[in-house]
PDB file of N, CA and C in Angstrom:
ATOM      1  N   ASP A   1      11.863 -12.646  36.734  1.00  0.00           N
ATOM      2  CA  ASP A   1      12.557 -12.375  35.467  1.00  0.00           C
ATOM      3  C   ASP A   1      13.744 -11.453  35.699  1.00  0.00           C
ATOM      4  N   GLU A   2      13.535 -10.425  36.535  1.00  0.00           N
ATOM      5  CA  GLU A   2      14.642  -9.489  36.793  1.00  0.00           C
ATOM      6  C   GLU A   2      15.823 -10.234  37.412  1.00  0.00           C
ATOM      7  N   GLU A   3      15.531 -11.149  38.341  1.00  0.00           N
ATOM      8  CA  GLU A   3      16.627 -11.882  38.990  1.00  0.00           C
ATOM      9  C   GLU A   3      17.418 -12.671  37.945  1.00  0.00           C
ATOM     10  N   ASN A   4      16.724 -13.251  36.987  1.00  0.00           N
ATOM     11  CA  ASN A   4      17.428 -14.010  35.944  1.00  0.00           C
ATOM     12  C   ASN A   4      18.406 -13.115  35.194  1.00  0.00           C
ATOM     13  N   GLN A   5      18.007 -11.872  34.944  1.00  0.00           N
ATOM     14  CA  GLN A   5      18.892 -10.966  34.205  1.00  0.00           C
ATOM     15  C   GLN A   5      20.113 -10.624  35.053  1.00  0.00           C
ATOM     16  N   PHE A   6      19.926 -10.438  36.360  1.00  0.00           N
ATOM     17  CA  PHE A   6      21.061 -10.081  37.217  1.00  0.00           C
ATOM     18  C   PHE A   6      22.045 -11.244  37.315  1.00  0.00           C
ATOM     19  N   ASN A   7      21.523 -12.453  37.449  1.00  0.00           N
ATOM     20  CA  ASN A   7      22.433 -13.604  37.558  1.00  0.00           C
ATOM     21  C   ASN A   7      23.097 -13.871  36.210  1.00  0.00           C
ATOM     22  N   PRO A   8      24.421 -14.026  36.194  1.00  0.00           N
ATOM     23  CA  PRO A   8      25.135 -14.251  34.929  1.00  0.00           C
ATOM     24  C   PRO A   8      24.858 -15.641  34.350  1.00  0.00           C
ATOM     25  N   MET A   9      24.491 -16.593  35.177  1.00  0.00           N
ATOM     26  CA  MET A   9      24.251 -17.955  34.666  1.00  0.00           C
ATOM     27  C   MET A   9      22.797 -18.130  34.221  1.00  0.00           C
ATOM     28  N   LYS A  10      21.909 -17.265  34.672  1.00  0.00           N
ATOM     29  CA  LYS A  10      20.493 -17.403  34.314  1.00  0.00           C
ATOM     30  C   LYS A  10      20.220 -17.032  32.853  1.00  0.00           C
ATOM     31  N   PRO A  11      20.870 -15.980  32.340  1.00  0.00           N
ATOM     32  CA  PRO A  11      20.591 -15.555  30.959  1.00  0.00           C
ATOM     33  C   PRO A  11      20.609 -16.711  29.969  1.00  0.00           C
ATOM     34  N   ARG A  12      21.437 -17.721  30.214  1.00  0.00           N
ATOM     35  CA  ARG A  12      21.483 -18.860  29.282  1.00  0.00           C
ATOM     36  C   ARG A  12      20.104 -19.512  29.185  1.00  0.00           C
ATOM     37  N   HIS A  13      19.429 -19.639  30.331  1.00  0.00           N
ATOM     38  CA  HIS A  13      18.093 -20.244  30.295  1.00  0.00           C
ATOM     39  C   HIS A  13      17.128 -19.322  29.551  1.00  0.00           C
ATOM     40  N   GLN A  14      17.281 -18.005  29.774  1.00  0.00           N
ATOM     41  CA  GLN A  14      16.389 -17.063  29.079  1.00  0.00           C
ATOM     42  C   GLN A  14      16.562 -17.191  27.569  1.00  0.00           C
ATOM     43  N   LEU A  15      17.811 -17.301  27.118  1.00  0.00           N
ATOM     44  CA  LEU A  15      18.057 -17.422  25.677  1.00  0.00           C
ATOM     45  C   LEU A  15      17.329 -18.656  25.140  1.00  0.00           C
ATOM     46  N   ALA A  16      17.365 -19.739  25.891  1.00  0.00           N
ATOM     47  CA  ALA A  16      16.703 -20.969  25.444  1.00  0.00           C
ATOM     48  C   ALA A  16      15.199 -20.721  25.320  1.00  0.00           C
ATOM     49  N   ARG A  17      14.657 -19.864  26.205  1.00  0.00           N
ATOM     50  CA  ARG A  17      13.219 -19.581  26.146  1.00  0.00           C
ATOM     51  C   ARG A  17      12.894 -18.597  25.020  1.00  0.00           C
ATOM     52  N   SER A  18      13.875 -17.831  24.586  1.00  0.00           N
ATOM     53  CA  SER A  18      13.626 -16.832  23.531  1.00  0.00           C
ATOM     54  C   SER A  18      13.061 -17.528  22.286  1.00  0.00           C
ATOM     55  N   PRO A  19      12.110 -16.906  21.601  1.00  0.00           N
ATOM     56  CA  PRO A  19      11.517 -17.525  20.401  1.00  0.00           C
ATOM     57  C   PRO A  19      12.551 -17.740  19.305  1.00  0.00           C
ATOM     58  N   ALA A  20      13.497 -16.811  19.178  1.00  0.00           N
ATOM     59  CA  ALA A  20      14.522 -16.930  18.129  1.00  0.00           C
ATOM     60  C   ALA A  20      15.369 -18.181  18.369  1.00  0.00           C
ATOM     61  N   THR A  21      15.907 -18.309  19.579  1.00  0.00           N
ATOM     62  CA  THR A  21      16.754 -19.469  19.865  1.00  0.00           C
ATOM     63  C   THR A  21      15.891 -20.725  20.004  1.00  0.00           C
ATOM     64  N   ALA A  22      14.679 -20.569  20.477  1.00  0.00           N
ATOM     65  CA  ALA A  22      13.814 -21.735  20.669  1.00  0.00           C
ATOM     66  C   ALA A  22      13.576 -22.424  19.327  1.00  0.00           C
ATOM     67  N   SER A  23      13.342 -21.632  18.289  1.00  0.00           N
ATOM     68  CA  SER A  23      13.099 -22.237  16.971  1.00  0.00           C
ATOM     69  C   SER A  23      14.331 -23.010  16.513  1.00  0.00           C
ATOM     70  N   LYS A  24      15.523 -22.459  16.745  1.00  0.00           N
ATOM     71  CA  LYS A  24      16.744 -23.145  16.312  1.00  0.00           C
ATOM     72  C   LYS A  24      16.983 -24.385  17.179  1.00  0.00           C
ATOM     73  N   SER A  25      16.833 -24.234  18.495  1.00  0.00           N
ATOM     74  CA  SER A  25      17.102 -25.365  19.387  1.00  0.00           C
ATOM     75  C   SER A  25      16.085 -26.482  19.124  1.00  0.00           C
ATOM     76  N   SER A  26      14.843 -26.109  18.823  1.00  0.00           N
ATOM     77  CA  SER A  26      13.818 -27.131  18.568  1.00  0.00           C
ATOM     78  C   SER A  26      14.213 -27.972  17.355  1.00  0.00           C
ATOM     79  N   LYS A  27      14.831 -27.332  16.355  1.00  0.00           N
ATOM     80  CA  LYS A  27      15.239 -28.086  15.161  1.00  0.00           C
ATOM     81  C   LYS A  27      16.441 -28.975  15.481  1.00  0.00           C
ATOM     82  N   LYS A  28      17.392 -28.447  16.244  1.00  0.00           N
ATOM     83  CA  LYS A  28      18.599 -29.226  16.550  1.00  0.00           C
ATOM     84  C   LYS A  28      18.269 -30.345  17.539  1.00  0.00           C
ATOM     85  N   SER A  29      17.535 -30.009  18.607  1.00  0.00           N
ATOM     86  CA  SER A  29      17.222 -31.023  19.624  1.00  0.00           C
ATOM     87  C   SER A  29      15.708 -31.162  19.754  1.00  0.00           C
ATOM     88  N   PRO A  30      15.097 -32.091  19.032  1.00  0.00           N
ATOM     89  CA  PRO A  30      13.646 -32.310  19.107  1.00  0.00           C
ATOM     90  C   PRO A  30      13.241 -33.014  20.397  1.00  0.00           C
ATOM     91  N   ARG A  31      14.026 -32.800  21.449  1.00  0.00           N
ATOM     92  CA  ARG A  31      13.692 -33.441  22.729  1.00  0.00           C
ATOM     93  C   ARG A  31      12.663 -32.625  23.500  1.00  0.00           C
ATOM     94  N   HIS A  32      12.356 -31.408  23.021  1.00  0.00           N
ATOM     95  CA  HIS A  32      11.398 -30.559  23.744  1.00  0.00           C
ATOM     96  C   HIS A  32      10.034 -30.610  23.047  1.00  0.00           C
ATOM     97  N   PRO A  33       9.178 -31.555  23.418  1.00  0.00           N
ATOM     98  CA  PRO A  33       7.844 -31.637  22.805  1.00  0.00           C
ATOM     99  C   PRO A  33       7.006 -30.413  23.132  1.00  0.00           C
ATOM    100  N   ALA A  34       7.299 -29.763  24.267  1.00  0.00           N
ATOM    101  CA  ALA A  34       6.545 -28.567  24.666  1.00  0.00           C
ATOM    102  C   ALA A  34       6.690 -27.489  23.594  1.00  0.00           C
ATOM    103  N   LEU A  35       7.900 -27.316  23.080  1.00  0.00           N
ATOM    104  CA  LEU A  35       8.117 -26.287  22.049  1.00  0.00           C
ATOM    105  C   LEU A  35       7.266 -26.608  20.824  1.00  0.00           C
ATOM    106  N   SER A  36       7.170 -27.881  20.472  1.00  0.00           N
ATOM    107  CA  SER A  36       6.381 -28.255  19.292  1.00  0.00           C
ATOM    108  C   SER A  36       4.913 -27.919  19.521  1.00  0.00           C
ATOM    109  N   GLU A  37       4.442 -28.085  20.760  1.00  0.00           N
ATOM    110  CA  GLU A  37       3.037 -27.791  21.048  1.00  0.00           C
ATOM    111  C   GLU A  37       2.766 -26.291  20.963  1.00  0.00           C
ATOM    112  N   ILE A  38       3.755 -25.471  21.330  1.00  0.00           N
ATOM    113  CA  ILE A  38       3.562 -24.016  21.298  1.00  0.00           C
ATOM    114  C   ILE A  38       3.255 -23.580  19.863  1.00  0.00           C
ATOM    115  N   PRO A  39       2.169 -22.827  19.662  1.00  0.00           N
ATOM    116  CA  PRO A  39       1.796 -22.377  18.307  1.00  0.00           C
ATOM    117  C   PRO A  39       2.820 -21.395  17.772  1.00  0.00           C
ATOM    118  N   LEU A  40       3.485 -21.770  16.691  1.00  0.00           N
ATOM    119  CA  LEU A  40       4.485 -20.869  16.098  1.00  0.00           C
ATOM    120  C   LEU A  40       3.773 -19.724  15.363  1.00  0.00           C
ATOM    121  N   PRO A  41       4.524 -18.684  14.997  1.00  0.00           N
ATOM    122  CA  PRO A  41       3.935 -17.541  14.282  1.00  0.00           C
ATOM    123  C   PRO A  41       3.412 -17.912  12.896  1.00  0.00           C
ATOM    124  N   VAL A  42       3.422 -19.188  12.559  1.00  0.00           N
ATOM    125  CA  VAL A  42       2.921 -19.619  11.244  1.00  0.00           C
ATOM    126  C   VAL A  42       1.427 -19.313  11.094  1.00  0.00           C
ATOM    127  N   PRO A  43       0.589 -19.610  12.114  1.00  0.00           N
ATOM    128  CA  PRO A  43      -0.854 -19.315  12.009  1.00  0.00           C
ATOM    129  C   PRO A  43      -1.108 -17.859  11.636  1.00  0.00           C
ATOM    130  N   LYS A  44      -0.237 -16.951  12.080  1.00  0.00           N
ATOM    131  CA  LYS A  44      -0.437 -15.533  11.758  1.00  0.00           C
ATOM    132  C   LYS A  44      -0.229 -15.299  10.260  1.00  0.00           C
ATOM    133  N   GLU A  45       0.605 -16.111   9.636  1.00  0.00           N
ATOM    134  CA  GLU A  45       0.871 -15.919   8.204  1.00  0.00           C
ATOM    135  C   GLU A  45      -0.323 -16.396   7.365  1.00  0.00           C
ATOM    136  N   GLU A  46      -1.064 -17.372   7.853  1.00  0.00           N
ATOM    137  CA  GLU A  46      -2.205 -17.887   7.082  1.00  0.00           C
ATOM    138  C   GLU A  46      -3.236 -16.786   6.787  1.00  0.00           C
ATOM    139  N   PRO A  47      -3.705 -16.060   7.818  1.00  0.00           N
ATOM    140  CA  PRO A  47      -4.688 -14.991   7.555  1.00  0.00           C
ATOM    141  C   PRO A  47      -4.127 -13.929   6.608  1.00  0.00           C
ATOM    142  N   VAL A  48      -2.828 -13.688   6.688  1.00  0.00           N
ATOM    143  CA  VAL A  48      -2.204 -12.691   5.797  1.00  0.00           C
ATOM    144  C   VAL A  48      -2.363 -13.134   4.348  1.00  0.00           C
ATOM    145  N   GLU A  49      -2.207 -14.418   4.095  1.00  0.00           N
ATOM    146  CA  GLU A  49      -2.335 -14.915   2.716  1.00  0.00           C
ATOM    147  C   GLU A  49      -3.783 -14.775   2.233  1.00  0.00           C
ATOM    148  N   LEU A  50      -4.748 -15.007   3.136  1.00  0.00           N
ATOM    149  CA  LEU A  50      -6.154 -14.897   2.750  1.00  0.00           C
ATOM    150  C   LEU A  50      -6.478 -13.458   2.353  1.00  0.00           C
ATOM    151  N   SER A  51      -5.886 -12.482   3.052  1.00  0.00           N
ATOM    152  CA  SER A  51      -6.165 -11.073   2.737  1.00  0.00           C
ATOM    153  C   SER A  51      -5.697 -10.759   1.317  1.00  0.00           C
ATOM    154  N   PRO A  52      -6.401  -9.884   0.616  1.00  0.00           N
ATOM    155  CA  PRO A  52      -6.036  -9.552  -0.780  1.00  0.00           C
ATOM    156  C   PRO A  52      -4.695  -8.847  -0.825  1.00  0.00           C
ATOM    157  N   PRO A  53      -3.900  -9.098  -1.859  1.00  0.00           N
ATOM    158  CA  PRO A  53      -2.576  -8.465  -1.975  1.00  0.00           C
ATOM    159  C   PRO A  53      -2.725  -6.969  -2.221  1.00  0.00           C
ATOM    160  N   PRO A  54      -1.740  -6.179  -1.791  1.00  0.00           N
ATOM    161  CA  PRO A  54      -1.808  -4.716  -1.980  1.00  0.00           C
ATOM    162  C   PRO A  54      -1.711  -4.358  -3.453  1.00  0.00           C
ATOM    163  N   PRO A  55      -2.527  -3.429  -3.914  1.00  0.00           N
ATOM    164  CA  PRO A  55      -2.496  -3.033  -5.347  1.00  0.00           C
ATOM    165  C   PRO A  55      -1.166  -2.390  -5.694  1.00  0.00           C
ATOM    166  N   GLU A  56      -0.474  -2.952  -6.678  1.00  0.00           N
ATOM    167  CA  GLU A  56       0.830  -2.372  -7.047  1.00  0.00           C
ATOM    168  C   GLU A  56       0.670  -1.451  -8.270  1.00  0.00           C
TER     169      GLU A  56
END
């Protein structure tokens, strides 16, 4: 990973792996089935909804 940061051409690949860019790239180019298989942070939101809302 450190070598990728030192190389100026490697960071581009890291950005593609980043979750932020991965979500955008997955929508633009659905050619990466691997990204679709990766569990998105959506499952984490489900348990949050089950939990009772904070008393306002």
